[in-house]
Amino acid sequence: AVFPALIPAAPSTARKSRVTGMLLGEPAPQFVRRGRN
């Protein structure tokens, strides 16, 4: 629901941002892990 609907990035870019901490040249938004989700 967030990628690409609210933030114009591919879901694969979102996954990479969780590892690198950067998204589109900015610090990545915080996320919450609920089990595997």
Full PDB file with SEQRES, HELIX, SHEET, SSBOND, CRYST1, ORIGX, SCALE, CONECT and MASTER records, all heavy atoms in Angstrom:
SEQRES   1 A   37  ALA VAL PHE PRO ALA LEU ILE PRO ALA ALA PRO SER THR          
SEQRES   2 A   37  ALA ARG LYS SER ARG VAL THR GLY MET LEU LEU GLY GLU          
SEQRES   3 A   37  PRO ALA PRO GLN PHE VAL ARG ARG GLY ARG ASN                  
HELIX    1 AA1 PRO A   11  THR A   20  1                                  10    
SHEET    1 AA1 2 MET A  22  LEU A  23  0                                        
SHEET    2 AA1 2 GLU A  26  PRO A  27 -1                                        
CRYST1    1.000    1.000    1.000  90.00  90.00  90.00 P 1           1          
ORIGX1      1.000000  0.000000  0.000000        0.00000                         
ORIGX2      0.000000  1.000000  0.000000        0.00000                         
ORIGX3      0.000000  0.000000  1.000000        0.00000                         
SCALE1      1.000000  0.000000  0.000000        0.00000                         
SCALE2      0.000000  1.000000  0.000000        0.00000                         
SCALE3      0.000000  0.000000  1.000000        0.00000                         
ATOM      1  N   ALA A   1       0.822  -1.212   0.000  1.00  0.00           N  
ATOM      2  CA  ALA A   1       0.000   0.000   0.000  1.00  0.00           C  
ATOM      3  C   ALA A   1       0.855   1.261   0.000  1.00  0.00           C  
ATOM      4  O   ALA A   1       0.391   2.321  -0.386  1.00  0.00           O  
ATOM      5  CB  ALA A   1      -0.917   0.008   1.216  1.00  0.00           C  
ATOM      6  N   VAL A   2       2.097   1.127   0.428  1.00  0.00           N  
ATOM      7  CA  VAL A   2       2.982   2.290   0.499  1.00  0.00           C  
ATOM      8  C   VAL A   2       3.768   2.462  -0.797  1.00  0.00           C  
ATOM      9  O   VAL A   2       3.890   3.567  -1.324  1.00  0.00           O  
ATOM     10  CB  VAL A   2       3.938   2.157   1.699  1.00  0.00           C  
ATOM     11  CG1 VAL A   2       4.934   3.301   1.743  1.00  0.00           C  
ATOM     12  CG2 VAL A   2       3.159   2.081   2.998  1.00  0.00           C  
ATOM     13  N   PHE A   3       4.314   1.364  -1.319  1.00  0.00           N  
ATOM     14  CA  PHE A   3       5.131   1.402  -2.536  1.00  0.00           C  
ATOM     15  C   PHE A   3       4.390   0.743  -3.674  1.00  0.00           C  
ATOM     16  O   PHE A   3       4.025  -0.416  -3.552  1.00  0.00           O  
ATOM     17  CB  PHE A   3       6.460   0.679  -2.298  1.00  0.00           C  
ATOM     18  CG  PHE A   3       7.270   1.277  -1.196  1.00  0.00           C  
ATOM     19  CD1 PHE A   3       7.210   0.763   0.082  1.00  0.00           C  
ATOM     20  CD2 PHE A   3       8.075   2.372  -1.435  1.00  0.00           C  
ATOM     21  CE1 PHE A   3       7.963   1.313   1.107  1.00  0.00           C  
ATOM     22  CE2 PHE A   3       8.818   2.932  -0.417  1.00  0.00           C  
ATOM     23  CZ  PHE A   3       8.764   2.397   0.864  1.00  0.00           C  
ATOM     24  N   PRO A   4       4.139   1.348  -4.768  1.00  0.00           N  
ATOM     25  CA  PRO A   4       4.433   2.712  -5.177  1.00  0.00           C  
ATOM     26  C   PRO A   4       3.262   3.678  -5.005  1.00  0.00           C  
ATOM     27  O   PRO A   4       3.292   4.776  -5.546  1.00  0.00           O  
ATOM     28  CB  PRO A   4       4.781   2.555  -6.637  1.00  0.00           C  
ATOM     29  CG  PRO A   4       3.880   1.455  -7.111  1.00  0.00           C  
ATOM     30  CD  PRO A   4       3.761   0.523  -5.906  1.00  0.00           C  
ATOM     31  N   ALA A   5       2.248   3.305  -4.248  1.00  0.00           N  
ATOM     32  CA  ALA A   5       1.053   4.152  -4.143  1.00  0.00           C  
ATOM     33  C   ALA A   5       1.332   5.495  -3.459  1.00  0.00           C  
ATOM     34  O   ALA A   5       0.873   6.530  -3.919  1.00  0.00           O  
ATOM     35  CB  ALA A   5      -0.051   3.408  -3.398  1.00  0.00           C  
ATOM     36  N   LEU A   6       2.065   5.499  -2.351  1.00  0.00           N  
ATOM     37  CA  LEU A   6       2.350   6.747  -1.636  1.00  0.00           C  
ATOM     38  C   LEU A   6       3.761   7.255  -1.882  1.00  0.00           C  
ATOM     39  O   LEU A   6       3.980   8.456  -1.972  1.00  0.00           O  
ATOM     40  CB  LEU A   6       2.146   6.541  -0.132  1.00  0.00           C  
ATOM     41  CG  LEU A   6       0.726   6.249   0.323  1.00  0.00           C  
ATOM     42  CD1 LEU A   6       0.685   5.957   1.816  1.00  0.00           C  
ATOM     43  CD2 LEU A   6      -0.176   7.421   0.000  1.00  0.00           C  
ATOM     44  N   ILE A   7       4.703   6.360  -1.965  1.00  0.00           N  
ATOM     45  CA  ILE A   7       6.089   6.726  -2.237  1.00  0.00           C  
ATOM     46  C   ILE A   7       6.453   6.155  -3.602  1.00  0.00           C  
ATOM     47  O   ILE A   7       6.328   4.948  -3.821  1.00  0.00           O  
ATOM     48  CB  ILE A   7       7.026   6.173  -1.146  1.00  0.00           C  
ATOM     49  CG1 ILE A   7       6.678   6.812   0.206  1.00  0.00           C  
ATOM     50  CG2 ILE A   7       8.483   6.440  -1.511  1.00  0.00           C  
ATOM     51  CD1 ILE A   7       7.489   6.296   1.362  1.00  0.00           C  
ATOM     52  N   PRO A   8       6.884   7.011  -4.529  1.00  0.00           N  
ATOM     53  CA  PRO A   8       7.139   6.554  -5.900  1.00  0.00           C  
ATOM     54  C   PRO A   8       8.425   5.750  -6.034  1.00  0.00           C  
ATOM     55  O   PRO A   8       9.423   6.214  -6.569  1.00  0.00           O  
ATOM     56  CB  PRO A   8       7.208   7.866  -6.683  1.00  0.00           C  
ATOM     57  CG  PRO A   8       7.706   8.854  -5.693  1.00  0.00           C  
ATOM     58  CD  PRO A   8       7.128   8.434  -4.377  1.00  0.00           C  
ATOM     59  N   ALA A   9       8.404   4.543  -5.520  1.00  0.00           N  
ATOM     60  CA  ALA A   9       9.548   3.638  -5.630  1.00  0.00           C  
ATOM     61  C   ALA A   9       9.025   2.216  -5.750  1.00  0.00           C  
ATOM     62  O   ALA A   9       7.948   1.898  -5.261  1.00  0.00           O  
ATOM     63  CB  ALA A   9      10.444   3.771  -4.399  1.00  0.00           C  
ATOM     64  N   ALA A  10       9.806   1.392  -6.392  1.00  0.00           N  
ATOM     65  CA  ALA A  10       9.425  -0.010  -6.555  1.00  0.00           C  
ATOM     66  C   ALA A  10       9.553  -0.747  -5.222  1.00  0.00           C  
ATOM     67  O   ALA A  10      10.367  -0.367  -4.383  1.00  0.00           O  
ATOM     68  CB  ALA A  10      10.329  -0.664  -7.593  1.00  0.00           C  
ATOM     69  N   PRO A  11       8.762  -1.796  -5.032  1.00  0.00           N  
ATOM     70  CA  PRO A  11       8.887  -2.585  -3.801  1.00  0.00           C  
ATOM     71  C   PRO A  11      10.300  -3.131  -3.582  1.00  0.00           C  
ATOM     72  O   PRO A  11      10.760  -3.211  -2.448  1.00  0.00           O  
ATOM     73  CB  PRO A  11       7.877  -3.713  -3.988  1.00  0.00           C  
ATOM     74  CG  PRO A  11       6.844  -3.133  -4.893  1.00  0.00           C  
ATOM     75  CD  PRO A  11       7.623  -2.236  -5.836  1.00  0.00           C  
ATOM     76  N   SER A  12      11.012  -3.462  -4.661  1.00  0.00           N  
ATOM     77  CA  SER A  12      12.394  -3.949  -4.503  1.00  0.00           C  
ATOM     78  C   SER A  12      13.295  -2.841  -3.956  1.00  0.00           C  
ATOM     79  O   SER A  12      14.207  -3.109  -3.164  1.00  0.00           O  
ATOM     80  CB  SER A  12      12.939  -4.471  -5.833  1.00  0.00           C  
ATOM     81  OG  SER A  12      12.954  -3.428  -6.797  1.00  0.00           O  
ATOM     82  N   THR A  13      13.041  -1.609  -4.345  1.00  0.00           N  
ATOM     83  CA  THR A  13      13.798  -0.473  -3.811  1.00  0.00           C  
ATOM     84  C   THR A  13      13.504  -0.304  -2.330  1.00  0.00           C  
ATOM     85  O   THR A  13      14.398   0.012  -1.538  1.00  0.00           O  
ATOM     86  CB  THR A  13      13.436   0.812  -4.579  1.00  0.00           C  
ATOM     87  OG1 THR A  13      13.669   0.602  -5.974  1.00  0.00           O  
ATOM     88  CG2 THR A  13      14.242   2.000  -4.098  1.00  0.00           C  
ATOM     89  N   ALA A  14      12.256  -0.535  -1.936  1.00  0.00           N  
ATOM     90  CA  ALA A  14      11.876  -0.452  -0.520  1.00  0.00           C  
ATOM     91  C   ALA A  14      12.613  -1.504   0.295  1.00  0.00           C  
ATOM     92  O   ALA A  14      13.094  -1.226   1.393  1.00  0.00           O  
ATOM     93  CB  ALA A  14      10.371  -0.618  -0.375  1.00  0.00           C  
ATOM     94  N   ARG A  15      12.713  -2.718  -0.251  1.00  0.00           N  
ATOM     95  CA  ARG A  15      13.429  -3.786   0.458  1.00  0.00           C  
ATOM     96  C   ARG A  15      14.902  -3.423   0.628  1.00  0.00           C  
ATOM     97  O   ARG A  15      15.488  -3.626   1.693  1.00  0.00           O  
ATOM     98  CB  ARG A  15      13.266  -5.114  -0.284  1.00  0.00           C  
ATOM     99  CG  ARG A  15      11.867  -5.699  -0.131  1.00  0.00           C  
ATOM    100  CD  ARG A  15      11.783  -7.095  -0.696  1.00  0.00           C  
ATOM    101  NE  ARG A  15      11.830  -7.140  -2.151  1.00  0.00           N  
ATOM    102  CZ  ARG A  15      10.780  -6.941  -2.947  1.00  0.00           C  
ATOM    103  NH1 ARG A  15       9.592  -6.695  -2.426  1.00  0.00           N  
ATOM    104  NH2 ARG A  15      10.902  -7.001  -4.248  1.00  0.00           N  
ATOM    105  N   LYS A  16      15.511  -2.859  -0.406  1.00  0.00           N  
ATOM    106  CA  LYS A  16      16.909  -2.446  -0.316  1.00  0.00           C  
ATOM    107  C   LYS A  16      17.074  -1.321   0.710  1.00  0.00           C  
ATOM    108  O   LYS A  16      18.071  -1.270   1.425  1.00  0.00           O  
ATOM    109  CB  LYS A  16      17.412  -1.966  -1.678  1.00  0.00           C  
ATOM    110  CG  LYS A  16      17.580  -3.067  -2.675  1.00  0.00           C  
ATOM    111  CD  LYS A  16      17.985  -2.511  -4.019  1.00  0.00           C  
ATOM    112  CE  LYS A  16      17.878  -3.560  -5.097  1.00  0.00           C  
ATOM    113  NZ  LYS A  16      18.078  -2.994  -6.441  1.00  0.00           N  
ATOM    114  N   SER A  17      16.087  -0.428   0.781  1.00  0.00           N  
ATOM    115  CA  SER A  17      16.193   0.700   1.713  1.00  0.00           C  
ATOM    116  C   SER A  17      16.173   0.236   3.164  1.00  0.00           C  
ATOM    117  O   SER A  17      16.757   0.890   4.028  1.00  0.00           O  
ATOM    118  CB  SER A  17      15.065   1.706   1.465  1.00  0.00           C  
ATOM    119  OG  SER A  17      13.840   1.248   1.981  1.00  0.00           O  
ATOM    120  N   ARG A  18      15.540  -0.878   3.437  1.00  0.00           N  
ATOM    121  CA  ARG A  18      15.525  -1.395   4.804  1.00  0.00           C  
ATOM    122  C   ARG A  18      16.900  -1.910   5.210  1.00  0.00           C  
ATOM    123  O   ARG A  18      17.248  -1.924   6.385  1.00  0.00           O  
ATOM    124  CB  ARG A  18      14.467  -2.491   4.952  1.00  0.00           C  
ATOM    125  CG  ARG A  18      13.060  -1.930   4.908  1.00  0.00           C  
ATOM    126  CD  ARG A  18      12.047  -2.932   5.407  1.00  0.00           C  
ATOM    127  NE  ARG A  18      11.947  -4.125   4.597  1.00  0.00           N  
ATOM    128  CZ  ARG A  18      11.159  -4.261   3.532  1.00  0.00           C  
ATOM    129  NH1 ARG A  18      10.397  -3.257   3.137  1.00  0.00           N  
ATOM    130  NH2 ARG A  18      11.120  -5.395   2.866  1.00  0.00           N  
ATOM    131  N   VAL A  19      17.713  -2.289   4.234  1.00  0.00           N  
ATOM    132  CA  VAL A  19      19.074  -2.745   4.503  1.00  0.00           C  
ATOM    133  C   VAL A  19      20.034  -1.561   4.578  1.00  0.00           C  
ATOM    134  O   VAL A  19      20.842  -1.457   5.491  1.00  0.00           O  
ATOM    135  CB  VAL A  19      19.536  -3.742   3.412  1.00  0.00           C  
ATOM    136  CG1 VAL A  19      20.996  -4.105   3.595  1.00  0.00           C  
ATOM    137  CG2 VAL A  19      18.661  -4.972   3.423  1.00  0.00           C  
ATOM    138  N   THR A  20      19.923  -0.641   3.615  1.00  0.00           N  
ATOM    139  CA  THR A  20      20.869   0.475   3.530  1.00  0.00           C  
ATOM    140  C   THR A  20      20.486   1.658   4.415  1.00  0.00           C  
ATOM    141  O   THR A  20      21.335   2.463   4.768  1.00  0.00           O  
ATOM    142  CB  THR A  20      20.970   0.982   2.087  1.00  0.00           C  
ATOM    143  OG1 THR A  20      19.695   1.502   1.679  1.00  0.00           O  
ATOM    144  CG2 THR A  20      21.414  -0.128   1.140  1.00  0.00           C  
ATOM    145  N   GLY A  21      19.190   1.783   4.726  1.00  0.00           N  
ATOM    146  CA  GLY A  21      18.732   2.920   5.521  1.00  0.00           C  
ATOM    147  C   GLY A  21      18.470   4.162   4.692  1.00  0.00           C  
ATOM    148  O   GLY A  21      18.125   5.212   5.243  1.00  0.00           O  
ATOM    149  N   MET A  22      18.642   4.090   3.373  1.00  0.00           N  
ATOM    150  CA  MET A  22      18.429   5.240   2.495  1.00  0.00           C  
ATOM    151  C   MET A  22      17.384   4.893   1.429  1.00  0.00           C  
ATOM    152  O   MET A  22      17.374   3.784   0.903  1.00  0.00           O  
ATOM    153  CB  MET A  22      19.733   5.639   1.794  1.00  0.00           C  
ATOM    154  CG  MET A  22      20.820   6.095   2.740  1.00  0.00           C  
ATOM    155  SD  MET A  22      20.401   7.583   3.647  1.00  0.00           S  
ATOM    156  CE  MET A  22      20.504   8.808   2.374  1.00  0.00           C  
ATOM    157  N   LEU A  23      16.514   5.862   1.150  1.00  0.00           N  
ATOM    158  CA  LEU A  23      15.495   5.695   0.117  1.00  0.00           C  
ATOM    159  C   LEU A  23      15.400   6.989  -0.670  1.00  0.00           C  
ATOM    160  O   LEU A  23      15.127   8.049  -0.099  1.00  0.00           O  
ATOM    161  CB  LEU A  23      14.139   5.360   0.740  1.00  0.00           C  
ATOM    162  CG  LEU A  23      12.968   5.233  -0.222  1.00  0.00           C  
ATOM    163  CD1 LEU A  23      13.178   4.042  -1.159  1.00  0.00           C  
ATOM    164  CD2 LEU A  23      11.666   5.072   0.529  1.00  0.00           C  
ATOM    165  N   LEU A  24      15.672   6.903  -1.969  1.00  0.00           N  
ATOM    166  CA  LEU A  24      15.599   8.059  -2.860  1.00  0.00           C  
ATOM    167  C   LEU A  24      16.471   9.212  -2.363  1.00  0.00           C  
ATOM    168  O   LEU A  24      16.097  10.373  -2.415  1.00  0.00           O  
ATOM    169  CB  LEU A  24      14.153   8.522  -3.036  1.00  0.00           C  
ATOM    170  CG  LEU A  24      13.155   7.463  -3.522  1.00  0.00           C  
ATOM    171  CD1 LEU A  24      11.749   8.034  -3.543  1.00  0.00           C  
ATOM    172  CD2 LEU A  24      13.552   6.944  -4.891  1.00  0.00           C  
ATOM    173  N   GLY A  25      17.642   8.871  -1.845  1.00  0.00           N  
ATOM    174  CA  GLY A  25      18.581   9.881  -1.383  1.00  0.00           C  
ATOM    175  C   GLY A  25      18.275  10.485  -0.023  1.00  0.00           C  
ATOM    176  O   GLY A  25      18.921  11.431   0.403  1.00  0.00           O  
ATOM    177  N   GLU A  26      17.310   9.959   0.657  1.00  0.00           N  
ATOM    178  CA  GLU A  26      16.906  10.448   1.986  1.00  0.00           C  
ATOM    179  C   GLU A  26      16.962   9.268   2.965  1.00  0.00           C  
ATOM    180  O   GLU A  26      16.894   8.116   2.548  1.00  0.00           O  
ATOM    181  CB  GLU A  26      15.456  10.966   1.947  1.00  0.00           C  
ATOM    182  CG  GLU A  26      15.171  12.031   0.927  1.00  0.00           C  
ATOM    183  CD  GLU A  26      15.548  13.407   1.422  1.00  0.00           C  
ATOM    184  OE1 GLU A  26      15.539  13.606   2.650  1.00  0.00           O  
ATOM    185  OE2 GLU A  26      15.860  14.252   0.588  1.00  0.00           O  
ATOM    186  N   PRO A  27      17.048   9.538   4.271  1.00  0.00           N  
ATOM    187  CA  PRO A  27      16.917   8.429   5.229  1.00  0.00           C  
ATOM    188  C   PRO A  27      15.557   7.738   5.043  1.00  0.00           C  
ATOM    189  O   PRO A  27      14.541   8.404   4.877  1.00  0.00           O  
ATOM    190  CB  PRO A  27      16.998   9.123   6.589  1.00  0.00           C  
ATOM    191  CG  PRO A  27      17.732  10.396   6.324  1.00  0.00           C  
ATOM    192  CD  PRO A  27      17.341  10.805   4.932  1.00  0.00           C  
ATOM    193  N   ALA A  28      15.572   6.430   5.035  1.00  0.00           N  
ATOM    194  CA  ALA A  28      14.349   5.656   4.770  1.00  0.00           C  
ATOM    195  C   ALA A  28      13.345   5.814   5.905  1.00  0.00           C  
ATOM    196  O   ALA A  28      13.725   6.037   7.052  1.00  0.00           O  
ATOM    197  CB  ALA A  28      14.703   4.185   4.591  1.00  0.00           C  
ATOM    198  N   PRO A  29      12.047   5.711   5.578  1.00  0.00           N  
ATOM    199  CA  PRO A  29      11.041   5.773   6.652  1.00  0.00           C  
ATOM    200  C   PRO A  29      11.152   4.549   7.564  1.00  0.00           C  
ATOM    201  O   PRO A  29      11.574   3.478   7.133  1.00  0.00           O  
ATOM    202  CB  PRO A  29       9.708   5.781   5.897  1.00  0.00           C  
ATOM    203  CG  PRO A  29       9.999   5.243   4.551  1.00  0.00           C  
ATOM    204  CD  PRO A  29      11.428   5.549   4.267  1.00  0.00           C  
ATOM    205  N   GLN A  30      10.763   4.733   8.810  1.00  0.00           N  
ATOM    206  CA  GLN A  30      10.796   3.630   9.761  1.00  0.00           C  
ATOM    207  C   GLN A  30       9.732   2.605   9.389  1.00  0.00           C  
ATOM    208  O   GLN A  30       8.702   2.950   8.815  1.00  0.00           O  
ATOM    209  CB  GLN A  30      10.556   4.143  11.166  1.00  0.00           C  
ATOM    210  CG  GLN A  30      11.648   5.056  11.651  1.00  0.00           C  
ATOM    211  CD  GLN A  30      11.392   5.547  13.057  1.00  0.00           C  
ATOM    212  OE1 GLN A  30      10.287   5.453  13.574  1.00  0.00           O  
ATOM    213  NE2 GLN A  30      12.417   6.065  13.679  1.00  0.00           N  
ATOM    214  N   PHE A  31       9.995   1.357   9.742  1.00  0.00           N  
ATOM    215  CA  PHE A  31       9.040   0.281   9.471  1.00  0.00           C  
ATOM    216  C   PHE A  31       8.871  -0.564  10.711  1.00  0.00           C  
ATOM    217  O   PHE A  31       9.655  -0.488  11.654  1.00  0.00           O  
ATOM    218  CB  PHE A  31       9.487  -0.575   8.272  1.00  0.00           C  
ATOM    219  CG  PHE A  31      10.766  -1.326   8.497  1.00  0.00           C  
ATOM    220  CD1 PHE A  31      10.740  -2.627   8.974  1.00  0.00           C  
ATOM    221  CD2 PHE A  31      11.988  -0.739   8.226  1.00  0.00           C  
ATOM    222  CE1 PHE A  31      11.912  -3.334   9.180  1.00  0.00           C  
ATOM    223  CE2 PHE A  31      13.171  -1.436   8.430  1.00  0.00           C  
ATOM    224  CZ  PHE A  31      13.125  -2.726   8.905  1.00  0.00           C  
ATOM    225  N   VAL A  32       7.836  -1.386  10.699  1.00  0.00           N  
ATOM    226  CA  VAL A  32       7.538  -2.291  11.810  1.00  0.00           C  
ATOM    227  C   VAL A  32       7.461  -3.702  11.244  1.00  0.00           C  
ATOM    228  O   VAL A  32       6.829  -3.921  10.210  1.00  0.00           O  
ATOM    229  CB  VAL A  32       6.179  -1.918  12.468  1.00  0.00           C  
ATOM    230  CG1 VAL A  32       5.828  -2.882  13.576  1.00  0.00           C  
ATOM    231  CG2 VAL A  32       6.195  -0.486  12.957  1.00  0.00           C  
ATOM    232  N   ARG A  33       8.095  -4.642  11.911  1.00  0.00           N  
ATOM    233  CA  ARG A  33       8.024  -6.038  11.479  1.00  0.00           C  
ATOM    234  C   ARG A  33       7.001  -6.752  12.349  1.00  0.00           C  
ATOM    235  O   ARG A  33       7.085  -6.744  13.572  1.00  0.00           O  
ATOM    236  CB  ARG A  33       9.388  -6.699  11.609  1.00  0.00           C  
ATOM    237  CG  ARG A  33       9.405  -8.127  11.120  1.00  0.00           C  
ATOM    238  CD  ARG A  33      10.769  -8.743  11.221  1.00  0.00           C  
ATOM    239  NE  ARG A  33      11.742  -8.109  10.355  1.00  0.00           N  
ATOM    240  CZ  ARG A  33      11.925  -8.417   9.067  1.00  0.00           C  
ATOM    241  NH1 ARG A  33      11.180  -9.354   8.516  1.00  0.00           N  
ATOM    242  NH2 ARG A  33      12.833  -7.811   8.347  1.00  0.00           N  
ATOM    243  N   ARG A  34       6.006  -7.329  11.716  1.00  0.00           N  
ATOM    244  CA  ARG A  34       4.984  -8.140  12.390  1.00  0.00           C  
ATOM    245  C   ARG A  34       5.139  -9.566  11.879  1.00  0.00           C  
ATOM    246  O   ARG A  34       4.602  -9.922  10.826  1.00  0.00           O  
ATOM    247  CB  ARG A  34       3.578  -7.627  12.079  1.00  0.00           C  
ATOM    248  CG  ARG A  34       3.325  -6.209  12.483  1.00  0.00           C  
ATOM    249  CD  ARG A  34       2.991  -6.152  13.959  1.00  0.00           C  
ATOM    250  NE  ARG A  34       2.641  -4.781  14.325  1.00  0.00           N  
ATOM    251  CZ  ARG A  34       3.164  -4.161  15.360  1.00  0.00           C  
ATOM    252  NH1 ARG A  34       4.031  -4.768  16.134  1.00  0.00           N  
ATOM    253  NH2 ARG A  34       2.817  -2.929  15.636  1.00  0.00           N  
ATOM    254  N   GLY A  35       5.917 -10.360  12.594  1.00  0.00           N  
ATOM    255  CA  GLY A  35       6.219 -11.707  12.103  1.00  0.00           C  
ATOM    256  C   GLY A  35       7.079 -11.591  10.860  1.00  0.00           C  
ATOM    257  O   GLY A  35       8.139 -10.994  10.890  1.00  0.00           O  
ATOM    258  N   ARG A  36       6.593 -12.132   9.746  1.00  0.00           N  
ATOM    259  CA  ARG A  36       7.313 -12.028   8.479  1.00  0.00           C  
ATOM    260  C   ARG A  36       6.855 -10.837   7.660  1.00  0.00           C  
ATOM    261  O   ARG A  36       7.398 -10.583   6.593  1.00  0.00           O  
ATOM    262  CB  ARG A  36       7.107 -13.311   7.680  1.00  0.00           C  
ATOM    263  CG  ARG A  36       7.726 -14.532   8.364  1.00  0.00           C  
ATOM    264  CD  ARG A  36       7.509 -15.786   7.592  1.00  0.00           C  
ATOM    265  NE  ARG A  36       8.267 -15.714   6.346  1.00  0.00           N  
ATOM    266  CZ  ARG A  36       8.175 -16.601   5.376  1.00  0.00           C  
ATOM    267  NH1 ARG A  36       7.373 -17.635   5.513  1.00  0.00           N  
ATOM    268  NH2 ARG A  36       8.891 -16.470   4.282  1.00  0.00           N  
ATOM    269  N   ASN A  37       5.851 -10.140   8.138  1.00  0.00           N  
ATOM    270  CA  ASN A  37       5.282  -9.020   7.389  1.00  0.00           C  
ATOM    271  C   ASN A  37       5.926  -7.697   7.777  1.00  0.00           C  
ATOM    272  O   ASN A  37       6.258  -7.472   8.944  1.00  0.00           O  
ATOM    273  CB  ASN A  37       3.776  -8.926   7.630  1.00  0.00           C  
ATOM    274  CG  ASN A  37       3.053 -10.156   7.139  1.00  0.00           C  
ATOM    275  OD1 ASN A  37       3.328 -10.648   6.051  1.00  0.00           O  
ATOM    276  ND2 ASN A  37       2.143 -10.665   7.939  1.00  0.00           N  
TER     277      ASN A  37                                                      
MASTER        0    0    0    1    2    0    0    6  276    1    0    3          
END                                                                             
